[in-house]
Amino acid sequence: MPLSMVREGEPGVIRRVGGKEETRRFLENLGFVAGGTVTVISRSSGNMIVNVKDSRIAIGKDMAGKILV
């Protein structure tokens, strides 16, 4: 399921990062790689704050939809 559907506080394992090559590379540089763990910290107005590789990152709902857990 896409990361945008994961509940707050629930950890998930990243299965695949979709989208165009440029988008995938951008997300992988932020730490969203297959096999990594990601936890949704909070949601606000369609944006999300997630914890990945001991860093908190804010991403939009559209980007979160490209990350499958």
PDB file of N, CA and C in Angstrom:
ATOM      1  N   MET A   1       0.840  -1.176   0.000  1.00  0.00           N
ATOM      2  CA  MET A   1       0.000   0.000   0.000  1.00  0.00           C
ATOM      3  C   MET A   1       0.885   1.239   0.000  1.00  0.00           C
ATOM      4  N   PRO A   2       0.395   2.360  -0.481  1.00  0.00           N
ATOM      5  CA  PRO A   2       1.207   3.578  -0.501  1.00  0.00           C
ATOM      6  C   PRO A   2       1.436   4.122   0.910  1.00  0.00           C
ATOM      7  N   LEU A   3       2.540   4.803   1.088  1.00  0.00           N
ATOM      8  CA  LEU A   3       2.881   5.402   2.375  1.00  0.00           C
ATOM      9  C   LEU A   3       1.802   6.376   2.837  1.00  0.00           C
ATOM     10  N   SER A   4       1.115   7.000   1.911  1.00  0.00           N
ATOM     11  CA  SER A   4       0.074   7.975   2.264  1.00  0.00           C
ATOM     12  C   SER A   4      -1.088   7.330   3.021  1.00  0.00           C
ATOM     13  N   MET A   5      -1.209   6.002   2.997  1.00  0.00           N
ATOM     14  CA  MET A   5      -2.300   5.310   3.694  1.00  0.00           C
ATOM     15  C   MET A   5      -1.879   4.718   5.044  1.00  0.00           C
ATOM     16  N   VAL A   6      -0.599   4.819   5.394  1.00  0.00           N
ATOM     17  CA  VAL A   6      -0.111   4.272   6.659  1.00  0.00           C
ATOM     18  C   VAL A   6      -0.546   5.183   7.803  1.00  0.00           C
ATOM     19  N   ARG A   7      -0.966   4.573   8.920  1.00  0.00           N
ATOM     20  CA  ARG A   7      -1.418   5.347  10.082  1.00  0.00           C
ATOM     21  C   ARG A   7      -0.238   5.958  10.830  1.00  0.00           C
ATOM     22  N   GLU A   8      -0.519   7.026  11.559  1.00  0.00           N
ATOM     23  CA  GLU A   8       0.509   7.686  12.370  1.00  0.00           C
ATOM     24  C   GLU A   8       1.061   6.723  13.410  1.00  0.00           C
ATOM     25  N   GLY A   9       2.374   6.728  13.574  1.00  0.00           N
ATOM     26  CA  GLY A   9       3.034   5.892  14.565  1.00  0.00           C
ATOM     27  C   GLY A   9       3.274   4.462  14.135  1.00  0.00           C
ATOM     28  N   GLU A  10       2.759   4.090  12.991  1.00  0.00           N
ATOM     29  CA  GLU A  10       2.887   2.710  12.506  1.00  0.00           C
ATOM     30  C   GLU A  10       4.104   2.585  11.587  1.00  0.00           C
ATOM     31  N   PRO A  11       5.097   1.773  11.963  1.00  0.00           N
ATOM     32  CA  PRO A  11       6.267   1.615  11.083  1.00  0.00           C
ATOM     33  C   PRO A  11       5.944   0.714   9.887  1.00  0.00           C
ATOM     34  N   GLY A  12       6.631   0.927   8.804  1.00  0.00           N
ATOM     35  CA  GLY A  12       6.461   0.096   7.620  1.00  0.00           C
ATOM     36  C   GLY A  12       7.793  -0.092   6.921  1.00  0.00           C
ATOM     37  N   VAL A  13       7.906  -1.172   6.186  1.00  0.00           N
ATOM     38  CA  VAL A  13       9.115  -1.451   5.409  1.00  0.00           C
ATOM     39  C   VAL A  13       8.859  -1.021   3.971  1.00  0.00           C
ATOM     40  N   ILE A  14       9.758  -0.250   3.424  1.00  0.00           N
ATOM     41  CA  ILE A  14       9.616   0.239   2.052  1.00  0.00           C
ATOM     42  C   ILE A  14       9.833  -0.929   1.092  1.00  0.00           C
ATOM     43  N   ARG A  15       8.847  -1.197   0.261  1.00  0.00           N
ATOM     44  CA  ARG A  15       8.927  -2.294  -0.714  1.00  0.00           C
ATOM     45  C   ARG A  15       9.435  -1.801  -2.066  1.00  0.00           C
ATOM     46  N   ARG A  16       8.947  -0.612  -2.479  1.00  0.00           N
ATOM     47  CA  ARG A  16       9.305  -0.102  -3.808  1.00  0.00           C
ATOM     48  C   ARG A  16       9.088   1.399  -3.846  1.00  0.00           C
ATOM     49  N   VAL A  17       9.890   2.082  -4.627  1.00  0.00           N
ATOM     50  CA  VAL A  17       9.719   3.514  -4.858  1.00  0.00           C
ATOM     51  C   VAL A  17       9.379   3.682  -6.327  1.00  0.00           C
ATOM     52  N   GLY A  18       8.214   4.244  -6.607  1.00  0.00           N
ATOM     53  CA  GLY A  18       7.745   4.391  -7.977  1.00  0.00           C
ATOM     54  C   GLY A  18       7.951   5.799  -8.513  1.00  0.00           C
ATOM     55  N   GLY A  19       7.384   6.058  -9.659  1.00  0.00           N
ATOM     56  CA  GLY A  19       7.484   7.376 -10.282  1.00  0.00           C
ATOM     57  C   GLY A  19       8.540   7.400 -11.370  1.00  0.00           C
ATOM     58  N   LYS A  20       8.747   8.599 -11.915  1.00  0.00           N
ATOM     59  CA  LYS A  20       9.759   8.780 -12.952  1.00  0.00           C
ATOM     60  C   LYS A  20      11.146   8.603 -12.344  1.00  0.00           C
ATOM     61  N   GLU A  21      12.126   8.372 -13.203  1.00  0.00           N
ATOM     62  CA  GLU A  21      13.508   8.155 -12.751  1.00  0.00           C
ATOM     63  C   GLU A  21      13.996   9.297 -11.867  1.00  0.00           C
ATOM     64  N   GLU A  22      13.707  10.519 -12.260  1.00  0.00           N
ATOM     65  CA  GLU A  22      14.136  11.693 -11.498  1.00  0.00           C
ATOM     66  C   GLU A  22      13.505  11.706 -10.096  1.00  0.00           C
ATOM     67  N   THR A  23      12.225  11.354 -10.016  1.00  0.00           N
ATOM     68  CA  THR A  23      11.528  11.305  -8.730  1.00  0.00           C
ATOM     69  C   THR A  23      12.086  10.198  -7.853  1.00  0.00           C
ATOM     70  N   ARG A  24      12.294   9.028  -8.427  1.00  0.00           N
ATOM     71  CA  ARG A  24      12.865   7.906  -7.662  1.00  0.00           C
ATOM     72  C   ARG A  24      14.237   8.258  -7.098  1.00  0.00           C
ATOM     73  N   ARG A  25      15.075   8.866  -7.915  1.00  0.00           N
ATOM     74  CA  ARG A  25      16.413   9.246  -7.476  1.00  0.00           C
ATOM     75  C   ARG A  25      16.344  10.264  -6.338  1.00  0.00           C
ATOM     76  N   PHE A  26      15.441  11.239  -6.447  1.00  0.00           N
ATOM     77  CA  PHE A  26      15.264  12.238  -5.399  1.00  0.00           C
ATOM     78  C   PHE A  26      14.857  11.585  -4.079  1.00  0.00           C
ATOM     79  N   LEU A  27      13.865  10.696  -4.134  1.00  0.00           N
ATOM     80  CA  LEU A  27      13.397  10.030  -2.919  1.00  0.00           C
ATOM     81  C   LEU A  27      14.465   9.109  -2.332  1.00  0.00           C
ATOM     82  N   GLU A  28      15.216   8.426  -3.177  1.00  0.00           N
ATOM     83  CA  GLU A  28      16.289   7.559  -2.693  1.00  0.00           C
ATOM     84  C   GLU A  28      17.395   8.368  -2.030  1.00  0.00           C
ATOM     85  N   ASN A  29      17.680   9.556  -2.536  1.00  0.00           N
ATOM     86  CA  ASN A  29      18.675  10.421  -1.914  1.00  0.00           C
ATOM     87  C   ASN A  29      18.221  10.903  -0.541  1.00  0.00           C
ATOM     88  N   LEU A  30      16.910  10.987  -0.322  1.00  0.00           N
ATOM     89  CA  LEU A  30      16.373  11.370   0.983  1.00  0.00           C
ATOM     90  C   LEU A  30      16.393  10.200   1.972  1.00  0.00           C
ATOM     91  N   GLY A  31      16.601   8.980   1.455  1.00  0.00           N
ATOM     92  CA  GLY A  31      16.674   7.816   2.324  1.00  0.00           C
ATOM     93  C   GLY A  31      15.554   6.809   2.122  1.00  0.00           C
ATOM     94  N   PHE A  32      14.665   7.062   1.183  1.00  0.00           N
ATOM     95  CA  PHE A  32      13.566   6.137   0.896  1.00  0.00           C
ATOM     96  C   PHE A  32      14.057   5.054  -0.060  1.00  0.00           C
ATOM     97  N   VAL A  33      14.675   4.009   0.487  1.00  0.00           N
ATOM     98  CA  VAL A  33      15.195   2.911  -0.320  1.00  0.00           C
ATOM     99  C   VAL A  33      14.483   1.618   0.061  1.00  0.00           C
ATOM    100  N   ALA A  34      14.363   0.712  -0.892  1.00  0.00           N
ATOM    101  CA  ALA A  34      13.700  -0.568  -0.645  1.00  0.00           C
ATOM    102  C   ALA A  34      14.398  -1.296   0.499  1.00  0.00           C
ATOM    103  N   GLY A  35      13.592  -1.812   1.424  1.00  0.00           N
ATOM    104  CA  GLY A  35      14.116  -2.519   2.578  1.00  0.00           C
ATOM    105  C   GLY A  35      14.274  -1.643   3.805  1.00  0.00           C
ATOM    106  N   GLY A  36      14.208  -0.332   3.628  1.00  0.00           N
ATOM    107  CA  GLY A  36      14.334   0.599   4.751  1.00  0.00           C
ATOM    108  C   GLY A  36      13.028   0.711   5.532  1.00  0.00           C
ATOM    109  N   THR A  37      13.133   1.171   6.767  1.00  0.00           N
ATOM    110  CA  THR A  37      11.955   1.338   7.614  1.00  0.00           C
ATOM    111  C   THR A  37      11.552   2.806   7.634  1.00  0.00           C
ATOM    112  N   VAL A  38      10.252   3.042   7.557  1.00  0.00           N
ATOM    113  CA  VAL A  38       9.712   4.398   7.595  1.00  0.00           C
ATOM    114  C   VAL A  38       8.538   4.425   8.566  1.00  0.00           C
ATOM    115  N   THR A  39       8.446   5.509   9.356  1.00  0.00           N
ATOM    116  CA  THR A  39       7.361   5.667  10.318  1.00  0.00           C
ATOM    117  C   THR A  39       6.712   7.028  10.091  1.00  0.00           C
ATOM    118  N   VAL A  40       5.382   7.050  10.015  1.00  0.00           N
ATOM    119  CA  VAL A  40       4.651   8.307   9.871  1.00  0.00           C
ATOM    120  C   VAL A  40       4.570   8.959  11.247  1.00  0.00           C
ATOM    121  N   ILE A  41       5.080  10.171  11.372  1.00  0.00           N
ATOM    122  CA  ILE A  41       5.065  10.905  12.632  1.00  0.00           C
ATOM    123  C   ILE A  41       3.769  11.705  12.756  1.00  0.00           C
ATOM    124  N   SER A  42       3.427  12.473  11.724  1.00  0.00           N
ATOM    125  CA  SER A  42       2.191  13.261  11.767  1.00  0.00           C
ATOM    126  C   SER A  42       1.728  13.616  10.365  1.00  0.00           C
ATOM    127  N   ARG A  43       0.481  14.064  10.289  1.00  0.00           N
ATOM    128  CA  ARG A  43      -0.134  14.508   9.032  1.00  0.00           C
ATOM    129  C   ARG A  43      -0.745  15.882   9.253  1.00  0.00           C
ATOM    130  N   SER A  44      -0.695  16.704   8.217  1.00  0.00           N
ATOM    131  CA  SER A  44      -1.293  18.024   8.307  1.00  0.00           C
ATOM    132  C   SER A  44      -1.552  18.558   6.902  1.00  0.00           C
ATOM    133  N   SER A  45      -2.798  18.824   6.592  1.00  0.00           N
ATOM    134  CA  SER A  45      -3.185  19.432   5.316  1.00  0.00           C
ATOM    135  C   SER A  45      -2.631  18.717   4.092  1.00  0.00           C
ATOM    136  N   GLY A  46      -2.618  17.402   4.096  1.00  0.00           N
ATOM    137  CA  GLY A  46      -2.131  16.644   2.955  1.00  0.00           C
ATOM    138  C   GLY A  46      -0.632  16.415   2.958  1.00  0.00           C
ATOM    139  N   ASN A  47       0.082  17.033   3.882  1.00  0.00           N
ATOM    140  CA  ASN A  47       1.516  16.810   4.006  1.00  0.00           C
ATOM    141  C   ASN A  47       1.771  15.841   5.143  1.00  0.00           C
ATOM    142  N   MET A  48       2.929  15.195   5.109  1.00  0.00           N
ATOM    143  CA  MET A  48       3.277  14.211   6.129  1.00  0.00           C
ATOM    144  C   MET A  48       4.687  14.460   6.630  1.00  0.00           C
ATOM    145  N   ILE A  49       4.891  14.184   7.906  1.00  0.00           N
ATOM    146  CA  ILE A  49       6.236  14.161   8.463  1.00  0.00           C
ATOM    147  C   ILE A  49       6.527  12.706   8.777  1.00  0.00           C
ATOM    148  N   VAL A  50       7.616  12.203   8.193  1.00  0.00           N
ATOM    149  CA  VAL A  50       7.965  10.795   8.371  1.00  0.00           C
ATOM    150  C   VAL A  50       9.371  10.688   8.927  1.00  0.00           C
ATOM    151  N   ASN A  51       9.625   9.589   9.602  1.00  0.00           N
ATOM    152  CA  ASN A  51      10.952   9.301  10.144  1.00  0.00           C
ATOM    153  C   ASN A  51      11.564   8.198   9.290  1.00  0.00           C
ATOM    154  N   VAL A  52      12.676   8.502   8.644  1.00  0.00           N
ATOM    155  CA  VAL A  52      13.372   7.530   7.825  1.00  0.00           C
ATOM    156  C   VAL A  52      14.869   7.702   8.065  1.00  0.00           C
ATOM    157  N   LYS A  53      15.553   6.604   8.378  1.00  0.00           N
ATOM    158  CA  LYS A  53      16.995   6.621   8.664  1.00  0.00           C
ATOM    159  C   LYS A  53      17.349   7.666   9.710  1.00  0.00           C
ATOM    160  N   ASP A  54      16.625   7.682  10.821  1.00  0.00           N
ATOM    161  CA  ASP A  54      16.869   8.598  11.939  1.00  0.00           C
ATOM    162  C   ASP A  54      16.771  10.072  11.559  1.00  0.00           C
ATOM    163  N   SER A  55      16.031  10.388  10.515  1.00  0.00           N
ATOM    164  CA  SER A  55      15.799  11.775  10.102  1.00  0.00           C
ATOM    165  C   SER A  55      14.311  11.994   9.910  1.00  0.00           C
ATOM    166  N   ARG A  56      13.847  13.176  10.249  1.00  0.00           N
ATOM    167  CA  ARG A  56      12.447  13.535   9.999  1.00  0.00           C
ATOM    168  C   ARG A  56      12.384  14.326   8.711  1.00  0.00           C
ATOM    169  N   ILE A  57      11.495  13.893   7.828  1.00  0.00           N
ATOM    170  CA  ILE A  57      11.377  14.506   6.513  1.00  0.00           C
ATOM    171  C   ILE A  57       9.917  14.826   6.255  1.00  0.00           C
ATOM    172  N   ALA A  58       9.649  16.014   5.735  1.00  0.00           N
ATOM    173  CA  ALA A  58       8.296  16.405   5.352  1.00  0.00           C
ATOM    174  C   ALA A  58       8.127  16.155   3.853  1.00  0.00           C
ATOM    175  N   ILE A  59       7.074  15.417   3.503  1.00  0.00           N
ATOM    176  CA  ILE A  59       6.782  15.169   2.086  1.00  0.00           C
ATOM    177  C   ILE A  59       5.301  15.388   1.844  1.00  0.00           C
ATOM    178  N   GLY A  60       4.968  15.669   0.605  1.00  0.00           N
ATOM    179  CA  GLY A  60       3.580  15.861   0.216  1.00  0.00           C
ATOM    180  C   GLY A  60       2.886  14.530  -0.012  1.00  0.00           C
ATOM    181  N   LYS A  61       1.565  14.574  -0.037  1.00  0.00           N
ATOM    182  CA  LYS A  61       0.766  13.371  -0.218  1.00  0.00           C
ATOM    183  C   LYS A  61       1.055  12.709  -1.576  1.00  0.00           C
ATOM    184  N   ASP A  62       1.314  13.518  -2.604  1.00  0.00           N
ATOM    185  CA  ASP A  62       1.607  12.960  -3.933  1.00  0.00           C
ATOM    186  C   ASP A  62       2.925  12.175  -3.935  1.00  0.00           C
ATOM    187  N   MET A  63       3.941  12.686  -3.244  1.00  0.00           N
ATOM    188  CA  MET A  63       5.205  11.961  -3.144  1.00  0.00           C
ATOM    189  C   MET A  63       5.038  10.702  -2.295  1.00  0.00           C
ATOM    190  N   ALA A  64       4.273  10.807  -1.217  1.00  0.00           N
ATOM    191  CA  ALA A  64       4.039   9.660  -0.343  1.00  0.00           C
ATOM    192  C   ALA A  64       3.313   8.545  -1.102  1.00  0.00           C
ATOM    193  N   GLY A  65       2.513   8.896  -2.093  1.00  0.00           N
ATOM    194  CA  GLY A  65       1.805   7.909  -2.888  1.00  0.00           C
ATOM    195  C   GLY A  65       2.725   7.092  -3.783  1.00  0.00           C
ATOM    196  N   LYS A  66       3.928   7.584  -4.029  1.00  0.00           N
ATOM    197  CA  LYS A  66       4.881   6.870  -4.879  1.00  0.00           C
ATOM    198  C   LYS A  66       5.736   5.882  -4.090  1.00  0.00           C
ATOM    199  N   ILE A  67       5.655   5.956  -2.755  1.00  0.00           N
ATOM    200  CA  ILE A  67       6.441   5.067  -1.900  1.00  0.00           C
ATOM    201  C   ILE A  67       5.530   3.946  -1.410  1.00  0.00           C
ATOM    202  N   LEU A  68       5.826   2.712  -1.797  1.00  0.00           N
ATOM    203  CA  LEU A  68       4.988   1.579  -1.422  1.00  0.00           C
ATOM    204  C   LEU A  68       5.618   0.840  -0.252  1.00  0.00           C
ATOM    205  N   VAL A  69       4.777   0.564   0.759  1.00  0.00           N
ATOM    206  CA  VAL A  69       5.249  -0.150   1.964  1.00  0.00           C
ATOM    207  C   VAL A  69       4.502  -1.453   2.105  1.00  0.00           C
TER     208      VAL A  69
END
